[in-house]
Amino acid sequence: MNILLDDPETEKIFQELLAKIRLRKNGETVAQMKAHGIVYKMNWGASVISLRELSRQYEKNHLLALKLWNKQWRETMILATLLDEPEKLTEEQMDFWTKSFEQAEIAEQAVANLFVYSKFAFIKALEYCCGKKQLVKYTGLHLIGRLAMVDKKAIDEMFEPFFNVLFSLIKDPELGQIIYRTVILMANRGTTLRESCKNFLELVLEMEEEHPKKLAAILLEDIASM
């Protein structure tokens, strides 16, 4: 990643944000997350809604985002995704952040708030779907769905390469929920891509494994009702 020289003003804002995060501490939320196996190195329990409201008080700042990410608190990582500048996002930074994801929540926030607006989004979505780590694959799948939802300028043909990787990933039961969401979002995009989704799912029905066939049947039924 590029090394940027720090500056006093950015450091001042950084320390200010850390103080404001502490004021949003919610021990009950932290306990509930731990009960569901969601554990962070440091988690103050601040809600995502409150962090979004906090981020709106500041201008986007790439250096600030890097400092926030490096702090590795749950809240600072979410704020980093909200305050970074998409046009300054590099492939190297996307890879570094993605490989360090330890919770799906952070992957989802990074994709929705930042990655989807990067010029590398389509390339990285496909690349991450072919990754080895489960959360990397999850990130790739989530990014495909977000692109289908928000990138109105992209032509439908840009989504066609994803069906090749989906054919392999749909066999993994742990990815079933995110694959369902991703396919539904692509099908919602328009008639052409909806037909591509249906053709893909018809092929999945011919697989030997039961899990992908059940998921394909559910998706086909839901897409038919659109």
C-alpha atoms as a PDB file:
ATOM      1  CA  MET A   1       0.000   0.000   0.000  1.00  0.00           C
ATOM      2  CA  ASN A   2       1.079   3.577  -0.571  1.00  0.00           C
ATOM      3  CA  ILE A   3       2.643   5.231   2.446  1.00  0.00           C
ATOM      4  CA  LEU A   4       1.191   8.687   3.055  1.00  0.00           C
ATOM      5  CA  LEU A   5       2.818  11.240   5.330  1.00  0.00           C
ATOM      6  CA  ASP A   6       0.681  12.082   8.326  1.00  0.00           C
ATOM      7  CA  ASP A   7      -0.418  15.631   9.029  1.00  0.00           C
ATOM      8  CA  PRO A   8      -1.514  17.350  12.269  1.00  0.00           C
ATOM      9  CA  GLU A   9      -5.036  18.159  11.064  1.00  0.00           C
ATOM     10  CA  THR A  10      -5.775  14.564  10.086  1.00  0.00           C
ATOM     11  CA  GLU A  11      -4.368  13.308  13.383  1.00  0.00           C
ATOM     12  CA  LYS A  12      -6.589  15.791  15.242  1.00  0.00           C
ATOM     13  CA  ILE A  13      -9.703  14.505  13.439  1.00  0.00           C
ATOM     14  CA  PHE A  14      -8.599  10.925  14.022  1.00  0.00           C
ATOM     15  CA  GLN A  15      -8.307  11.444  17.787  1.00  0.00           C
ATOM     16  CA  GLU A  16     -11.625  13.295  17.802  1.00  0.00           C
ATOM     17  CA  LEU A  17     -13.331  10.347  16.143  1.00  0.00           C
ATOM     18  CA  LEU A  18     -11.857   7.897  18.639  1.00  0.00           C
ATOM     19  CA  ALA A  19     -13.306   9.962  21.470  1.00  0.00           C
ATOM     20  CA  LYS A  20     -16.732  10.143  19.815  1.00  0.00           C
ATOM     21  CA  ILE A  21     -16.740   6.386  19.244  1.00  0.00           C
ATOM     22  CA  ARG A  22     -16.152   5.790  22.954  1.00  0.00           C
ATOM     23  CA  LEU A  23     -19.167   7.973  23.750  1.00  0.00           C
ATOM     24  CA  ARG A  24     -21.298   5.585  21.669  1.00  0.00           C
ATOM     25  CA  LYS A  25     -20.310   2.559  23.738  1.00  0.00           C
ATOM     26  CA  ASN A  26     -23.058  -0.037  24.158  1.00  0.00           C
ATOM     27  CA  GLY A  27     -22.069  -3.017  26.288  1.00  0.00           C
ATOM     28  CA  GLU A  28     -25.345  -4.847  25.649  1.00  0.00           C
ATOM     29  CA  THR A  29     -24.712  -4.831  21.893  1.00  0.00           C
ATOM     30  CA  VAL A  30     -21.191  -6.152  22.410  1.00  0.00           C
ATOM     31  CA  ALA A  31     -22.502  -8.980  24.603  1.00  0.00           C
ATOM     32  CA  GLN A  32     -25.162  -9.908  22.040  1.00  0.00           C
ATOM     33  CA  MET A  33     -22.584 -10.000  19.252  1.00  0.00           C
ATOM     34  CA  LYS A  34     -20.272 -12.211  21.313  1.00  0.00           C
ATOM     35  CA  ALA A  35     -23.178 -14.552  22.035  1.00  0.00           C
ATOM     36  CA  HIS A  36     -23.552 -15.012  18.275  1.00  0.00           C
ATOM     37  CA  GLY A  37     -19.846 -15.652  17.826  1.00  0.00           C
ATOM     38  CA  ILE A  38     -19.076 -12.189  16.442  1.00  0.00           C
ATOM     39  CA  VAL A  39     -15.868 -11.175  18.181  1.00  0.00           C
ATOM     40  CA  TYR A  40     -13.557  -8.246  17.424  1.00  0.00           C
ATOM     41  CA  LYS A  41     -10.200  -7.207  18.849  1.00  0.00           C
ATOM     42  CA  MET A  42     -11.982  -4.075  20.089  1.00  0.00           C
ATOM     43  CA  ASN A  43     -15.709  -3.457  19.840  1.00  0.00           C
ATOM     44  CA  TRP A  44     -17.489  -0.543  21.526  1.00  0.00           C
ATOM     45  CA  GLY A  45     -20.918  -1.679  20.342  1.00  0.00           C
ATOM     46  CA  ALA A  46     -21.764   1.496  18.425  1.00  0.00           C
ATOM     47  CA  SER A  47     -24.587   1.006  15.934  1.00  0.00           C
ATOM     48  CA  VAL A  48     -23.887   1.262  12.217  1.00  0.00           C
ATOM     49  CA  ILE A  49     -26.601   3.939  11.994  1.00  0.00           C
ATOM     50  CA  SER A  50     -24.799   6.094  14.562  1.00  0.00           C
ATOM     51  CA  LEU A  51     -21.493   5.599  12.741  1.00  0.00           C
ATOM     52  CA  ARG A  52     -23.077   6.689   9.468  1.00  0.00           C
ATOM     53  CA  GLU A  53     -24.411   9.802  11.182  1.00  0.00           C
ATOM     54  CA  LEU A  54     -20.970  10.474  12.634  1.00  0.00           C
ATOM     55  CA  SER A  55     -19.264  10.079   9.256  1.00  0.00           C
ATOM     56  CA  ARG A  56     -21.562  12.718   7.727  1.00  0.00           C
ATOM     57  CA  GLN A  57     -19.998  15.311  10.014  1.00  0.00           C
ATOM     58  CA  TYR A  58     -16.659  14.966   8.206  1.00  0.00           C
ATOM     59  CA  GLU A  59     -15.361  15.260   4.657  1.00  0.00           C
ATOM     60  CA  LYS A  60     -14.026  12.163   2.963  1.00  0.00           C
ATOM     61  CA  ASN A  61     -10.310  11.795   3.602  1.00  0.00           C
ATOM     62  CA  HIS A  62      -8.138   8.981   2.259  1.00  0.00           C
ATOM     63  CA  LEU A  63      -5.374   9.394   4.823  1.00  0.00           C
ATOM     64  CA  LEU A  64      -7.881   9.516   7.666  1.00  0.00           C
ATOM     65  CA  ALA A  65      -9.496   6.321   6.366  1.00  0.00           C
ATOM     66  CA  LEU A  66      -6.149   4.517   6.360  1.00  0.00           C
ATOM     67  CA  LYS A  67      -5.455   5.631   9.927  1.00  0.00           C
ATOM     68  CA  LEU A  68      -8.906   4.486  11.025  1.00  0.00           C
ATOM     69  CA  TRP A  69      -8.477   1.112   9.364  1.00  0.00           C
ATOM     70  CA  ASN A  70      -5.085   0.548  10.954  1.00  0.00           C
ATOM     71  CA  LYS A  71      -6.603   1.122  14.422  1.00  0.00           C
ATOM     72  CA  GLN A  72      -8.536  -2.155  13.901  1.00  0.00           C
ATOM     73  CA  TRP A  73     -11.474  -1.335  16.144  1.00  0.00           C
ATOM     74  CA  ARG A  74     -14.798  -2.515  14.738  1.00  0.00           C
ATOM     75  CA  GLU A  75     -16.028   1.076  14.645  1.00  0.00           C
ATOM     76  CA  THR A  76     -12.881   2.578  13.107  1.00  0.00           C
ATOM     77  CA  MET A  77     -12.914  -0.002  10.323  1.00  0.00           C
ATOM     78  CA  ILE A  78     -16.549   0.786   9.500  1.00  0.00           C
ATOM     79  CA  LEU A  79     -15.790   4.516   9.556  1.00  0.00           C
ATOM     80  CA  ALA A  80     -12.810   3.905   7.276  1.00  0.00           C
ATOM     81  CA  THR A  81     -15.146   2.441   4.660  1.00  0.00           C
ATOM     82  CA  LEU A  82     -17.449   5.445   5.023  1.00  0.00           C
ATOM     83  CA  LEU A  83     -14.781   8.140   4.900  1.00  0.00           C
ATOM     84  CA  ASP A  84     -12.373   6.839   2.271  1.00  0.00           C
ATOM     85  CA  GLU A  85     -12.302   8.329  -1.231  1.00  0.00           C
ATOM     86  CA  PRO A  86     -13.259   5.687  -3.846  1.00  0.00           C
ATOM     87  CA  GLU A  87     -11.196   7.378  -6.569  1.00  0.00           C
ATOM     88  CA  LYS A  88      -8.064   6.957  -4.444  1.00  0.00           C
ATOM     89  CA  LEU A  89      -8.742   3.303  -3.708  1.00  0.00           C
ATOM     90  CA  THR A  90      -6.051   1.049  -5.196  1.00  0.00           C
ATOM     91  CA  GLU A  91      -6.172  -2.645  -6.012  1.00  0.00           C
ATOM     92  CA  GLU A  92      -3.471  -3.174  -3.421  1.00  0.00           C
ATOM     93  CA  GLN A  93      -5.542  -1.539  -0.700  1.00  0.00           C
ATOM     94  CA  MET A  94      -8.651  -3.529  -1.660  1.00  0.00           C
ATOM     95  CA  ASP A  95      -6.649  -6.756  -1.510  1.00  0.00           C
ATOM     96  CA  PHE A  96      -5.034  -5.852   1.812  1.00  0.00           C
ATOM     97  CA  TRP A  97      -8.342  -5.003   3.459  1.00  0.00           C
ATOM     98  CA  THR A  98     -10.163  -7.997   1.992  1.00  0.00           C
ATOM     99  CA  LYS A  99      -7.544 -10.500   3.112  1.00  0.00           C
ATOM    100  CA  SER A 100      -7.709  -9.069   6.637  1.00  0.00           C
ATOM    101  CA  PHE A 101     -11.502  -9.344   7.012  1.00  0.00           C
ATOM    102  CA  GLU A 102     -12.402 -11.429  10.060  1.00  0.00           C
ATOM    103  CA  GLN A 103     -16.135 -10.712  10.220  1.00  0.00           C
ATOM    104  CA  ALA A 104     -18.798 -10.622   7.510  1.00  0.00           C
ATOM    105  CA  GLU A 105     -20.070  -7.309   8.883  1.00  0.00           C
ATOM    106  CA  ILE A 106     -16.852  -5.530   7.921  1.00  0.00           C
ATOM    107  CA  ALA A 107     -16.812  -7.183   4.499  1.00  0.00           C
ATOM    108  CA  GLU A 108     -20.375  -6.012   3.875  1.00  0.00           C
ATOM    109  CA  GLN A 109     -19.634  -2.458   5.000  1.00  0.00           C
ATOM    110  CA  ALA A 110     -16.494  -2.243   2.865  1.00  0.00           C
ATOM    111  CA  VAL A 111     -18.359  -3.486  -0.204  1.00  0.00           C
ATOM    112  CA  ALA A 112     -21.469  -1.322   0.231  1.00  0.00           C
ATOM    113  CA  ASN A 113     -19.732   1.887   1.302  1.00  0.00           C
ATOM    114  CA  LEU A 114     -16.542   1.804  -0.754  1.00  0.00           C
ATOM    115  CA  PHE A 115     -15.571  -1.122  -2.989  1.00  0.00           C
ATOM    116  CA  VAL A 116     -18.662  -0.935  -5.193  1.00  0.00           C
ATOM    117  CA  TYR A 117     -17.681   2.617  -6.224  1.00  0.00           C
ATOM    118  CA  SER A 118     -14.134   1.657  -7.214  1.00  0.00           C
ATOM    119  CA  LYS A 119     -13.067   1.441 -10.857  1.00  0.00           C
ATOM    120  CA  PHE A 120     -11.685  -2.008  -9.980  1.00  0.00           C
ATOM    121  CA  ALA A 121     -14.994  -3.333  -8.631  1.00  0.00           C
ATOM    122  CA  PHE A 122     -15.850  -5.793 -11.422  1.00  0.00           C
ATOM    123  CA  ILE A 123     -12.311  -7.130 -11.680  1.00  0.00           C
ATOM    124  CA  LYS A 124     -11.991  -7.616  -7.936  1.00  0.00           C
ATOM    125  CA  ALA A 125     -15.436  -9.170  -7.539  1.00  0.00           C
ATOM    126  CA  LEU A 126     -14.495 -11.917  -9.973  1.00  0.00           C
ATOM    127  CA  GLU A 127     -11.043 -12.328  -8.428  1.00  0.00           C
ATOM    128  CA  TYR A 128     -12.348 -12.600  -4.877  1.00  0.00           C
ATOM    129  CA  CYS A 129     -14.949 -15.183  -5.870  1.00  0.00           C
ATOM    130  CA  CYS A 130     -12.012 -17.386  -6.857  1.00  0.00           C
ATOM    131  CA  GLY A 131     -10.188 -16.816  -3.553  1.00  0.00           C
ATOM    132  CA  LYS A 132      -9.312 -19.514  -1.040  1.00  0.00           C
ATOM    133  CA  LYS A 133     -10.539 -17.840   2.156  1.00  0.00           C
ATOM    134  CA  GLN A 134     -14.288 -18.086   2.828  1.00  0.00           C
ATOM    135  CA  LEU A 135     -14.671 -14.395   3.671  1.00  0.00           C
ATOM    136  CA  VAL A 136     -12.833 -13.442   0.496  1.00  0.00           C
ATOM    137  CA  LYS A 137     -15.336 -15.441  -1.550  1.00  0.00           C
ATOM    138  CA  TYR A 138     -18.146 -13.871   0.483  1.00  0.00           C
ATOM    139  CA  THR A 139     -16.787 -10.428  -0.327  1.00  0.00           C
ATOM    140  CA  GLY A 140     -16.693 -11.217  -4.035  1.00  0.00           C
ATOM    141  CA  LEU A 141     -20.262 -12.484  -4.033  1.00  0.00           C
ATOM    142  CA  HIS A 142     -21.507  -9.517  -2.050  1.00  0.00           C
ATOM    143  CA  LEU A 143     -19.727  -7.162  -4.448  1.00  0.00           C
ATOM    144  CA  ILE A 144     -21.428  -8.756  -7.472  1.00  0.00           C
ATOM    145  CA  GLY A 145     -24.819  -8.194  -5.885  1.00  0.00           C
ATOM    146  CA  ARG A 146     -24.077  -4.592  -4.951  1.00  0.00           C
ATOM    147  CA  LEU A 147     -22.825  -3.862  -8.459  1.00  0.00           C
ATOM    148  CA  ALA A 148     -26.034  -5.281  -9.894  1.00  0.00           C
ATOM    149  CA  MET A 149     -28.006  -3.029  -7.572  1.00  0.00           C
ATOM    150  CA  VAL A 150     -26.165   0.312  -7.810  1.00  0.00           C
ATOM    151  CA  ASP A 151     -24.077   0.421 -10.986  1.00  0.00           C
ATOM    152  CA  LYS A 152     -26.723   1.567 -13.452  1.00  0.00           C
ATOM    153  CA  LYS A 153     -24.152   2.346 -16.164  1.00  0.00           C
ATOM    154  CA  ALA A 154     -22.813  -1.211 -16.391  1.00  0.00           C
ATOM    155  CA  ILE A 155     -24.138  -3.285 -19.281  1.00  0.00           C
ATOM    156  CA  ASP A 156     -25.634  -6.706 -18.516  1.00  0.00           C
ATOM    157  CA  GLU A 157     -22.830  -8.472 -20.372  1.00  0.00           C
ATOM    158  CA  MET A 158     -20.425  -7.374 -17.642  1.00  0.00           C
ATOM    159  CA  PHE A 159     -22.150  -9.800 -15.275  1.00  0.00           C
ATOM    160  CA  GLU A 160     -21.981 -12.841 -17.555  1.00  0.00           C
ATOM    161  CA  PRO A 161     -18.457 -13.972 -16.430  1.00  0.00           C
ATOM    162  CA  PHE A 162     -19.734 -14.352 -12.873  1.00  0.00           C
ATOM    163  CA  PHE A 163     -21.933 -17.321 -13.739  1.00  0.00           C
ATOM    164  CA  ASN A 164     -18.850 -19.490 -14.321  1.00  0.00           C
ATOM    165  CA  VAL A 165     -17.604 -18.927 -10.773  1.00  0.00           C
ATOM    166  CA  LEU A 166     -21.112 -19.158  -9.306  1.00  0.00           C
ATOM    167  CA  PHE A 167     -21.431 -22.630 -10.777  1.00  0.00           C
ATOM    168  CA  SER A 168     -18.639 -23.772  -8.475  1.00  0.00           C
ATOM    169  CA  LEU A 169     -19.503 -21.664  -5.428  1.00  0.00           C
ATOM    170  CA  ILE A 170     -23.161 -22.703  -5.305  1.00  0.00           C
ATOM    171  CA  LYS A 171     -22.019 -26.159  -4.157  1.00  0.00           C
ATOM    172  CA  ASP A 172     -20.847 -24.680  -0.835  1.00  0.00           C
ATOM    173  CA  PRO A 173     -23.701 -24.710   1.737  1.00  0.00           C
ATOM    174  CA  GLU A 174     -21.984 -21.993   3.788  1.00  0.00           C
ATOM    175  CA  LEU A 175     -22.327 -19.567   0.880  1.00  0.00           C
ATOM    176  CA  GLY A 176     -25.971 -20.372   0.198  1.00  0.00           C
ATOM    177  CA  GLN A 177     -27.455 -17.228   1.735  1.00  0.00           C
ATOM    178  CA  ILE A 178     -25.129 -14.766   0.012  1.00  0.00           C
ATOM    179  CA  ILE A 179     -25.502 -16.584  -3.311  1.00  0.00           C
ATOM    180  CA  TYR A 180     -29.290 -16.366  -2.982  1.00  0.00           C
ATOM    181  CA  ARG A 181     -29.082 -12.592  -2.410  1.00  0.00           C
ATOM    182  CA  THR A 182     -26.611 -12.105  -5.246  1.00  0.00           C
ATOM    183  CA  VAL A 183     -28.646 -14.016  -7.827  1.00  0.00           C
ATOM    184  CA  ILE A 184     -31.857 -12.241  -6.788  1.00  0.00           C
ATOM    185  CA  LEU A 185     -30.170  -8.842  -7.173  1.00  0.00           C
ATOM    186  CA  MET A 186     -28.886  -9.769 -10.626  1.00  0.00           C
ATOM    187  CA  ALA A 187     -32.295 -11.066 -11.667  1.00  0.00           C
ATOM    188  CA  ASN A 188     -33.880  -7.834 -10.444  1.00  0.00           C
ATOM    189  CA  ARG A 189     -31.627  -5.803 -12.713  1.00  0.00           C
ATOM    190  CA  GLY A 190     -33.624  -6.454 -15.869  1.00  0.00           C
ATOM    191  CA  THR A 191     -35.114  -8.954 -18.308  1.00  0.00           C
ATOM    192  CA  THR A 192     -31.875  -9.948 -20.060  1.00  0.00           C
ATOM    193  CA  LEU A 193     -29.910 -10.681 -16.906  1.00  0.00           C
ATOM    194  CA  ARG A 194     -32.943 -12.370 -15.381  1.00  0.00           C
ATOM    195  CA  GLU A 195     -32.978 -14.835 -18.275  1.00  0.00           C
ATOM    196  CA  SER A 196     -29.263 -15.473 -17.776  1.00  0.00           C
ATOM    197  CA  CYS A 197     -29.925 -16.216 -14.105  1.00  0.00           C
ATOM    198  CA  LYS A 198     -32.693 -18.639 -15.005  1.00  0.00           C
ATOM    199  CA  ASN A 199     -30.513 -20.410 -17.572  1.00  0.00           C
ATOM    200  CA  PHE A 200     -27.750 -20.729 -14.977  1.00  0.00           C
ATOM    201  CA  LEU A 201     -30.130 -22.134 -12.377  1.00  0.00           C
ATOM    202  CA  GLU A 202     -31.562 -24.651 -14.840  1.00  0.00           C
ATOM    203  CA  LEU A 203     -28.026 -26.005 -15.270  1.00  0.00           C
ATOM    204  CA  VAL A 204     -27.584 -26.181 -11.496  1.00  0.00           C
ATOM    205  CA  LEU A 205     -30.689 -28.388 -11.298  1.00  0.00           C
ATOM    206  CA  GLU A 206     -28.725 -30.999 -13.257  1.00  0.00           C
ATOM    207  CA  MET A 207     -26.003 -31.241 -10.617  1.00  0.00           C
ATOM    208  CA  GLU A 208     -25.633 -34.376  -8.508  1.00  0.00           C
ATOM    209  CA  GLU A 209     -25.398 -32.548  -5.171  1.00  0.00           C
ATOM    210  CA  GLU A 210     -28.688 -31.923  -3.368  1.00  0.00           C
ATOM    211  CA  HIS A 211     -27.861 -28.551  -1.779  1.00  0.00           C
ATOM    212  CA  PRO A 212     -27.302 -26.579  -5.013  1.00  0.00           C
ATOM    213  CA  LYS A 213     -30.349 -28.188  -6.617  1.00  0.00           C
ATOM    214  CA  LYS A 214     -32.577 -27.151  -3.698  1.00  0.00           C
ATOM    215  CA  LEU A 215     -31.196 -23.613  -3.757  1.00  0.00           C
ATOM    216  CA  ALA A 216     -31.673 -23.382  -7.531  1.00  0.00           C
ATOM    217  CA  ALA A 217     -35.280 -24.565  -7.234  1.00  0.00           C
ATOM    218  CA  ILE A 218     -36.032 -21.920  -4.581  1.00  0.00           C
ATOM    219  CA  LEU A 219     -34.395 -19.203  -6.656  1.00  0.00           C
ATOM    220  CA  LEU A 220     -36.239 -20.165  -9.820  1.00  0.00           C
ATOM    221  CA  GLU A 221     -39.538 -20.050  -7.954  1.00  0.00           C
ATOM    222  CA  ASP A 222     -38.762 -16.647  -6.452  1.00  0.00           C
ATOM    223  CA  ILE A 223     -37.523 -15.208  -9.744  1.00  0.00           C
ATOM    224  CA  ALA A 224     -40.684 -16.460 -11.493  1.00  0.00           C
ATOM    225  CA  SER A 225     -42.763 -14.375  -9.074  1.00  0.00           C
ATOM    226  CA  MET A 226     -40.908 -11.130  -9.880  1.00  0.00           C
END
